[in-house]
Amino acid sequence: MSRRLMWPVLVLGIILIVLPLALSFPSKASAGQTMLDNFHPIMQPASVRTTVNYYNNTFVPLRSVAQDGVKAAGEAPQLIAALAAQLHMTPTQVESFLGSRFPAMAQLLGGLPKLVPIFSAVPPGLAHYQPLVKTMKANVTNYSQVDSLPNFRLLTWFFVVPGILLVLLAAVGLIADRRAKPAAAGKATSKS
């Protein structure tokens, strides 16, 4: 092979070896594979269907419960006062009565003010997670295709191994060409 051809082959081989290392392919590819592995159970079709189902059929309907819960927290003291007036009791007696006869309701009414920050976060939380749920649903097939690729940790070797082979090919060609020239020059001088 021509010496002129071997130099570009050598340079290409060196680029294929150095470039992946300079671009941190080993660590980036490893991080990509770790991410794919971690998302594997989450992005399976059945898991995504379950996520979408929970979001649409459980969490979205809780929006109105949360919004009403905020309003109910503000009305709870008025409810206790109204019941106290109707039952001819003090508010403390009504709370005690509810606590003994309807403990779950009493606990719910008493806990409503503490739940206001949580209830208030439900609508923005739903808005925040909606794009995630839509993106998951829309990318099940894309994830499956990417996940079917060879392990990303091998990516560096897809460049480095051909680079090494090209460097060896060019080196052998350059060394053979170098040895052939003195031998050819020696034969030419012996003929004269």
C-alpha atoms as a PDB file:
ATOM      1  CA  MET A   1       0.000   0.000   0.000  1.00  0.00           C
ATOM      2  CA  SER A   2       1.063   3.541  -0.655  1.00  0.00           C
ATOM      3  CA  ARG A   3       2.733   5.466   2.153  1.00  0.00           C
ATOM      4  CA  ARG A   4       0.425   8.423   1.410  1.00  0.00           C
ATOM      5  CA  LEU A   5      -2.601   6.243   2.116  1.00  0.00           C
ATOM      6  CA  MET A   6      -1.209   4.908   5.399  1.00  0.00           C
ATOM      7  CA  TRP A   7      -0.809   8.301   7.079  1.00  0.00           C
ATOM      8  CA  PRO A   8      -4.525   9.225   6.896  1.00  0.00           C
ATOM      9  CA  VAL A   9      -5.402   5.695   8.070  1.00  0.00           C
ATOM     10  CA  LEU A  10      -3.026   6.162  11.018  1.00  0.00           C
ATOM     11  CA  VAL A  11      -4.532   9.564  11.869  1.00  0.00           C
ATOM     12  CA  LEU A  12      -8.074   8.183  11.601  1.00  0.00           C
ATOM     13  CA  GLY A  13      -7.144   5.286  13.888  1.00  0.00           C
ATOM     14  CA  ILE A  14      -5.655   7.656  16.472  1.00  0.00           C
ATOM     15  CA  ILE A  15      -8.767   9.857  16.315  1.00  0.00           C
ATOM     16  CA  LEU A  16     -10.998   6.807  16.874  1.00  0.00           C
ATOM     17  CA  ILE A  17      -8.962   5.937  19.965  1.00  0.00           C
ATOM     18  CA  VAL A  18      -8.486   9.412  21.443  1.00  0.00           C
ATOM     19  CA  LEU A  19     -11.826  11.084  20.666  1.00  0.00           C
ATOM     20  CA  PRO A  20     -14.052   8.770  22.762  1.00  0.00           C
ATOM     21  CA  LEU A  21     -11.675   9.143  25.687  1.00  0.00           C
ATOM     22  CA  ALA A  22     -11.454  12.925  25.268  1.00  0.00           C
ATOM     23  CA  LEU A  23     -15.268  13.133  25.197  1.00  0.00           C
ATOM     24  CA  SER A  24     -15.510  10.947  28.342  1.00  0.00           C
ATOM     25  CA  PHE A  25     -17.427   8.210  26.539  1.00  0.00           C
ATOM     26  CA  PRO A  26     -16.646   5.572  29.188  1.00  0.00           C
ATOM     27  CA  SER A  27     -18.211   7.499  32.084  1.00  0.00           C
ATOM     28  CA  LYS A  28     -21.052   8.988  30.008  1.00  0.00           C
ATOM     29  CA  ALA A  29     -21.935   5.652  28.419  1.00  0.00           C
ATOM     30  CA  SER A  30     -21.840   3.980  31.829  1.00  0.00           C
ATOM     31  CA  ALA A  31     -24.167   6.656  33.225  1.00  0.00           C
ATOM     32  CA  GLY A  32     -26.490   6.159  30.250  1.00  0.00           C
ATOM     33  CA  GLN A  33     -26.583   2.408  30.782  1.00  0.00           C
ATOM     34  CA  THR A  34     -27.208   2.852  34.512  1.00  0.00           C
ATOM     35  CA  MET A  35     -30.099   5.194  33.699  1.00  0.00           C
ATOM     36  CA  LEU A  36     -31.570   2.698  31.212  1.00  0.00           C
ATOM     37  CA  ASP A  37     -31.221  -0.099  33.766  1.00  0.00           C
ATOM     38  CA  ASN A  38     -32.860   1.983  36.505  1.00  0.00           C
ATOM     39  CA  PHE A  39     -35.769   3.017  34.275  1.00  0.00           C
ATOM     40  CA  HIS A  40     -36.277  -0.510  32.910  1.00  0.00           C
ATOM     41  CA  PRO A  41     -38.951  -1.620  35.410  1.00  0.00           C
ATOM     42  CA  ILE A  42     -40.648   1.792  35.363  1.00  0.00           C
ATOM     43  CA  MET A  43     -40.876   2.037  31.569  1.00  0.00           C
ATOM     44  CA  GLN A  44     -42.349  -1.414  30.945  1.00  0.00           C
ATOM     45  CA  PRO A  45     -45.767  -1.131  29.250  1.00  0.00           C
ATOM     46  CA  ALA A  46     -47.684  -2.606  32.210  1.00  0.00           C
ATOM     47  CA  SER A  47     -45.938  -0.294  34.679  1.00  0.00           C
ATOM     48  CA  VAL A  48     -46.611   2.784  32.539  1.00  0.00           C
ATOM     49  CA  ARG A  49     -50.272   1.764  32.176  1.00  0.00           C
ATOM     50  CA  THR A  50     -50.476   1.456  35.978  1.00  0.00           C
ATOM     51  CA  THR A  51     -48.868   4.890  36.438  1.00  0.00           C
ATOM     52  CA  VAL A  52     -51.247   6.504  33.927  1.00  0.00           C
ATOM     53  CA  ASN A  53     -54.201   4.733  35.548  1.00  0.00           C
ATOM     54  CA  TYR A  54     -53.250   5.919  39.057  1.00  0.00           C
ATOM     55  CA  TYR A  55     -52.701   9.446  37.812  1.00  0.00           C
ATOM     56  CA  ASN A  56     -55.960   9.697  35.843  1.00  0.00           C
ATOM     57  CA  ASN A  57     -58.264   7.610  38.023  1.00  0.00           C
ATOM     58  CA  THR A  58     -56.918   8.247  41.536  1.00  0.00           C
ATOM     59  CA  PHE A  59     -54.893  11.425  41.769  1.00  0.00           C
ATOM     60  CA  VAL A  60     -56.779  13.658  39.330  1.00  0.00           C
ATOM     61  CA  PRO A  61     -60.098  13.018  41.115  1.00  0.00           C
ATOM     62  CA  LEU A  62     -58.405  13.924  44.414  1.00  0.00           C
ATOM     63  CA  ARG A  63     -58.028  17.489  43.112  1.00  0.00           C
ATOM     64  CA  SER A  64     -61.609  18.321  44.083  1.00  0.00           C
ATOM     65  CA  VAL A  65     -61.238  16.586  47.465  1.00  0.00           C
ATOM     66  CA  ALA A  66     -58.126  18.662  48.172  1.00  0.00           C
ATOM     67  CA  GLN A  67     -59.762  21.895  47.057  1.00  0.00           C
ATOM     68  CA  ASP A  68     -62.844  21.165  49.166  1.00  0.00           C
ATOM     69  CA  GLY A  69     -60.590  20.136  52.068  1.00  0.00           C
ATOM     70  CA  VAL A  70     -59.028  23.613  52.100  1.00  0.00           C
ATOM     71  CA  LYS A  71     -62.507  25.164  52.259  1.00  0.00           C
ATOM     72  CA  ALA A  72     -63.693  22.669  54.898  1.00  0.00           C
ATOM     73  CA  ALA A  73     -60.716  23.489  57.127  1.00  0.00           C
ATOM     74  CA  GLY A  74     -61.883  27.073  57.252  1.00  0.00           C
ATOM     75  CA  GLU A  75     -65.457  26.005  58.016  1.00  0.00           C
ATOM     76  CA  ALA A  76     -64.623  23.438  60.731  1.00  0.00           C
ATOM     77  CA  PRO A  77     -64.618  25.925  63.658  1.00  0.00           C
ATOM     78  CA  GLN A  78     -67.928  27.365  62.444  1.00  0.00           C
ATOM     79  CA  LEU A  79     -69.403  23.860  62.203  1.00  0.00           C
ATOM     80  CA  ILE A  80     -68.389  23.055  65.777  1.00  0.00           C
ATOM     81  CA  ALA A  81     -69.857  26.376  66.978  1.00  0.00           C
ATOM     82  CA  ALA A  82     -73.139  25.778  65.092  1.00  0.00           C
ATOM     83  CA  LEU A  83     -73.433  22.249  66.468  1.00  0.00           C
ATOM     84  CA  ALA A  84     -72.707  23.545  69.973  1.00  0.00           C
ATOM     85  CA  ALA A  85     -75.524  26.099  69.677  1.00  0.00           C
ATOM     86  CA  GLN A  86     -78.011  23.531  68.334  1.00  0.00           C
ATOM     87  CA  LEU A  87     -77.075  20.915  70.924  1.00  0.00           C
ATOM     88  CA  HIS A  88     -76.911  23.457  73.794  1.00  0.00           C
ATOM     89  CA  MET A  89     -73.296  22.499  74.456  1.00  0.00           C
ATOM     90  CA  THR A  90     -70.002  24.313  74.509  1.00  0.00           C
ATOM     91  CA  PRO A  91     -67.648  23.798  71.555  1.00  0.00           C
ATOM     92  CA  THR A  92     -65.397  21.748  73.855  1.00  0.00           C
ATOM     93  CA  GLN A  93     -68.346  19.511  74.790  1.00  0.00           C
ATOM     94  CA  VAL A  94     -69.202  19.046  71.092  1.00  0.00           C
ATOM     95  CA  GLU A  95     -65.592  18.085  70.328  1.00  0.00           C
ATOM     96  CA  SER A  96     -65.650  15.602  73.228  1.00  0.00           C
ATOM     97  CA  PHE A  97     -69.015  14.211  72.090  1.00  0.00           C
ATOM     98  CA  LEU A  98     -67.760  13.779  68.507  1.00  0.00           C
ATOM     99  CA  GLY A  99     -64.538  12.249  69.798  1.00  0.00           C
ATOM    100  CA  SER A 100     -66.380   9.599  71.770  1.00  0.00           C
ATOM    101  CA  ARG A 101     -69.183   8.818  69.303  1.00  0.00           C
ATOM    102  CA  PHE A 102     -67.544   9.589  65.934  1.00  0.00           C
ATOM    103  CA  PRO A 103     -63.789   9.366  66.530  1.00  0.00           C
ATOM    104  CA  ALA A 104     -62.795   9.228  62.853  1.00  0.00           C
ATOM    105  CA  MET A 105     -64.917  12.268  62.005  1.00  0.00           C
ATOM    106  CA  ALA A 106     -63.598  14.154  65.021  1.00  0.00           C
ATOM    107  CA  GLN A 107     -60.034  13.346  64.030  1.00  0.00           C
ATOM    108  CA  LEU A 108     -60.716  14.414  60.441  1.00  0.00           C
ATOM    109  CA  LEU A 109     -62.270  17.716  61.522  1.00  0.00           C
ATOM    110  CA  GLY A 110     -59.455  18.385  63.977  1.00  0.00           C
ATOM    111  CA  GLY A 111     -56.792  17.512  61.422  1.00  0.00           C
ATOM    112  CA  LEU A 112     -58.169  19.595  58.545  1.00  0.00           C
ATOM    113  CA  PRO A 113     -56.181  22.743  59.408  1.00  0.00           C
ATOM    114  CA  LYS A 114     -52.934  20.731  59.380  1.00  0.00           C
ATOM    115  CA  LEU A 115     -53.836  19.306  55.976  1.00  0.00           C
ATOM    116  CA  VAL A 116     -54.340  22.704  54.295  1.00  0.00           C
ATOM    117  CA  PRO A 117     -50.685  22.925  53.098  1.00  0.00           C
ATOM    118  CA  ILE A 118     -50.898  19.401  51.680  1.00  0.00           C
ATOM    119  CA  PHE A 119     -54.300  19.975  50.084  1.00  0.00           C
ATOM    120  CA  SER A 120     -53.046  23.258  48.623  1.00  0.00           C
ATOM    121  CA  ALA A 121     -50.136  21.437  46.976  1.00  0.00           C
ATOM    122  CA  VAL A 122     -52.347  18.884  45.179  1.00  0.00           C
ATOM    123  CA  PRO A 123     -53.439  21.001  42.146  1.00  0.00           C
ATOM    124  CA  PRO A 124     -49.924  22.296  41.375  1.00  0.00           C
ATOM    125  CA  GLY A 125     -48.548  18.803  42.019  1.00  0.00           C
ATOM    126  CA  LEU A 126     -50.955  17.334  39.495  1.00  0.00           C
ATOM    127  CA  ALA A 127     -49.963  20.010  36.977  1.00  0.00           C
ATOM    128  CA  HIS A 128     -46.282  19.269  37.649  1.00  0.00           C
ATOM    129  CA  TYR A 129     -46.608  15.499  37.158  1.00  0.00           C
ATOM    130  CA  GLN A 130     -48.946  15.603  34.155  1.00  0.00           C
ATOM    131  CA  PRO A 131     -46.122  16.143  31.595  1.00  0.00           C
ATOM    132  CA  LEU A 132     -44.132  13.311  33.189  1.00  0.00           C
ATOM    133  CA  VAL A 133     -47.039  10.894  32.921  1.00  0.00           C
ATOM    134  CA  LYS A 134     -47.761  11.956  29.313  1.00  0.00           C
ATOM    135  CA  THR A 135     -44.072  11.640  28.403  1.00  0.00           C
ATOM    136  CA  MET A 136     -43.819   8.181  29.943  1.00  0.00           C
ATOM    137  CA  LYS A 137     -46.915   7.040  28.070  1.00  0.00           C
ATOM    138  CA  ALA A 138     -45.679   8.475  24.764  1.00  0.00           C
ATOM    139  CA  ASN A 139     -42.180   6.965  25.046  1.00  0.00           C
ATOM    140  CA  VAL A 140     -42.750   3.310  25.919  1.00  0.00           C
ATOM    141  CA  THR A 141     -41.831   2.201  22.390  1.00  0.00           C
ATOM    142  CA  ASN A 142     -38.882   4.615  22.157  1.00  0.00           C
ATOM    143  CA  TYR A 143     -37.536   3.356  25.480  1.00  0.00           C
ATOM    144  CA  SER A 144     -37.923  -0.249  24.335  1.00  0.00           C
ATOM    145  CA  GLN A 145     -35.964   0.466  21.153  1.00  0.00           C
ATOM    146  CA  VAL A 146     -33.127   2.222  22.997  1.00  0.00           C
ATOM    147  CA  ASP A 147     -33.067  -0.491  25.657  1.00  0.00           C
ATOM    148  CA  SER A 148     -32.664  -3.140  22.931  1.00  0.00           C
ATOM    149  CA  LEU A 149     -29.329  -1.642  21.843  1.00  0.00           C
ATOM    150  CA  PRO A 150     -26.109  -3.290  23.024  1.00  0.00           C
ATOM    151  CA  ASN A 151     -24.935  -2.272  26.469  1.00  0.00           C
ATOM    152  CA  PHE A 152     -23.865   1.396  26.331  1.00  0.00           C
ATOM    153  CA  ARG A 153     -20.720   0.552  28.300  1.00  0.00           C
ATOM    154  CA  LEU A 154     -19.483  -1.085  25.068  1.00  0.00           C
ATOM    155  CA  LEU A 155     -19.842   2.173  23.113  1.00  0.00           C
ATOM    156  CA  THR A 156     -16.248   3.256  23.706  1.00  0.00           C
ATOM    157  CA  TRP A 157     -14.990  -0.067  22.343  1.00  0.00           C
ATOM    158  CA  PHE A 158     -16.994   0.367  19.124  1.00  0.00           C
ATOM    159  CA  PHE A 159     -14.587   3.235  18.372  1.00  0.00           C
ATOM    160  CA  VAL A 160     -11.392   2.173  20.129  1.00  0.00           C
ATOM    161  CA  VAL A 161     -11.121  -1.368  18.690  1.00  0.00           C
ATOM    162  CA  PRO A 162     -11.451  -0.230  15.038  1.00  0.00           C
ATOM    163  CA  GLY A 163      -9.052   2.624  15.891  1.00  0.00           C
ATOM    164  CA  ILE A 164      -6.471   0.173  17.221  1.00  0.00           C
ATOM    165  CA  LEU A 165      -6.888  -2.014  14.138  1.00  0.00           C
ATOM    166  CA  LEU A 166      -6.431   0.992  11.823  1.00  0.00           C
ATOM    167  CA  VAL A 167      -3.317   2.117  13.746  1.00  0.00           C
ATOM    168  CA  LEU A 168      -1.861  -1.402  13.496  1.00  0.00           C
ATOM    169  CA  LEU A 169      -2.716  -1.612   9.779  1.00  0.00           C
ATOM    170  CA  ALA A 170      -1.138   1.781   9.107  1.00  0.00           C
ATOM    171  CA  ALA A 171       1.916   0.941  11.224  1.00  0.00           C
ATOM    172  CA  VAL A 172       2.446  -2.345   9.415  1.00  0.00           C
ATOM    173  CA  GLY A 173       2.025  -0.581   6.052  1.00  0.00           C
ATOM    174  CA  LEU A 174       4.390   2.245   6.969  1.00  0.00           C
ATOM    175  CA  ILE A 175       7.037  -0.111   8.375  1.00  0.00           C
ATOM    176  CA  ALA A 176       6.774  -2.440   5.371  1.00  0.00           C
ATOM    177  CA  ASP A 177       7.012   0.544   3.005  1.00  0.00           C
ATOM    178  CA  ARG A 178      10.039   1.890   4.898  1.00  0.00           C
ATOM    179  CA  ARG A 179      11.825  -1.482   4.712  1.00  0.00           C
ATOM    180  CA  ALA A 180      10.933  -1.920   1.051  1.00  0.00           C
ATOM    181  CA  LYS A 181      12.458   1.433  -0.020  1.00  0.00           C
ATOM    182  CA  PRO A 182      16.047   0.753   1.162  1.00  0.00           C
ATOM    183  CA  ALA A 183      15.893  -2.743  -0.320  1.00  0.00           C
ATOM    184  CA  ALA A 184      14.633  -1.341  -3.619  1.00  0.00           C
ATOM    185  CA  ALA A 185      17.314   1.389  -3.539  1.00  0.00           C
ATOM    186  CA  GLY A 186      19.976  -1.247  -2.886  1.00  0.00           C
ATOM    187  CA  LYS A 187      18.813  -3.342  -5.830  1.00  0.00           C
ATOM    188  CA  ALA A 188      18.788  -0.263  -8.074  1.00  0.00           C
ATOM    189  CA  THR A 189      22.423   0.645  -7.181  1.00  0.00           C
ATOM    190  CA  SER A 190      23.620  -2.927  -7.634  1.00  0.00           C
ATOM    191  CA  LYS A 191      22.199  -2.990 -11.180  1.00  0.00           C
ATOM    192  CA  SER A 192      24.126   0.115 -12.190  1.00  0.00           C
END
